[in-house]
């Protein structure tokens, strides 16, 4: 299966996925390319180091979001991408794009959805005083951080822990959970039933 990873930032999840593929933890998968919407994103350096093709699509070249997404779709179709993996891609995708890759887009979110949807989820959960937070991998639908949940993992917030310590635990969990979810999908072990995802 050919996958593309879309990212906008540092790219730690991107690297975790690529390394899992290279190690053989996820079989029958090729990471065809990285697509980013930020020219200065550090993830581009990771892609070059890991010898993954990378494409920068500049949103400022397009007047409308759909035009940007049409350019993105052209790149993905050209590379025969079958699965789109969002790894810190800081753009909300339209229904146009989601319909093009229905049930073929995954996202990871640093909270136990449906709690703390949207940006700065770790910090908001921490400031709220939660005792348990975590990570969610889910299919992408037209709503933000809403699609059917594939996997979740929990992290305990210990008394006196700093936000930075909680963030480190969350990121470590992300790097384990995301490759697991991709592996399940590639092995055709996921069955969507409404909002529920059955692992078979």
Foldseek 3Di string as FASTA:
>chain_A
DEEEEEAEAQCPLVLLQLVCVVVVVAPPYDDAEYEYQYPPHNNVVVCVVSVHHYYYQHPVVDPDPVVSLVVVVVVCVVSVHLAYEYDHHPDQDAQVNCVVNPQRYKYKDFWDPPPQFDPPSLVVCVVVPDQKTWMWMAGDDRDGPQAATDDIDMDGDDPPDDSVVSVVVRSVRSSVPPNVSVNQVVVVQWDDDPNYIGGD
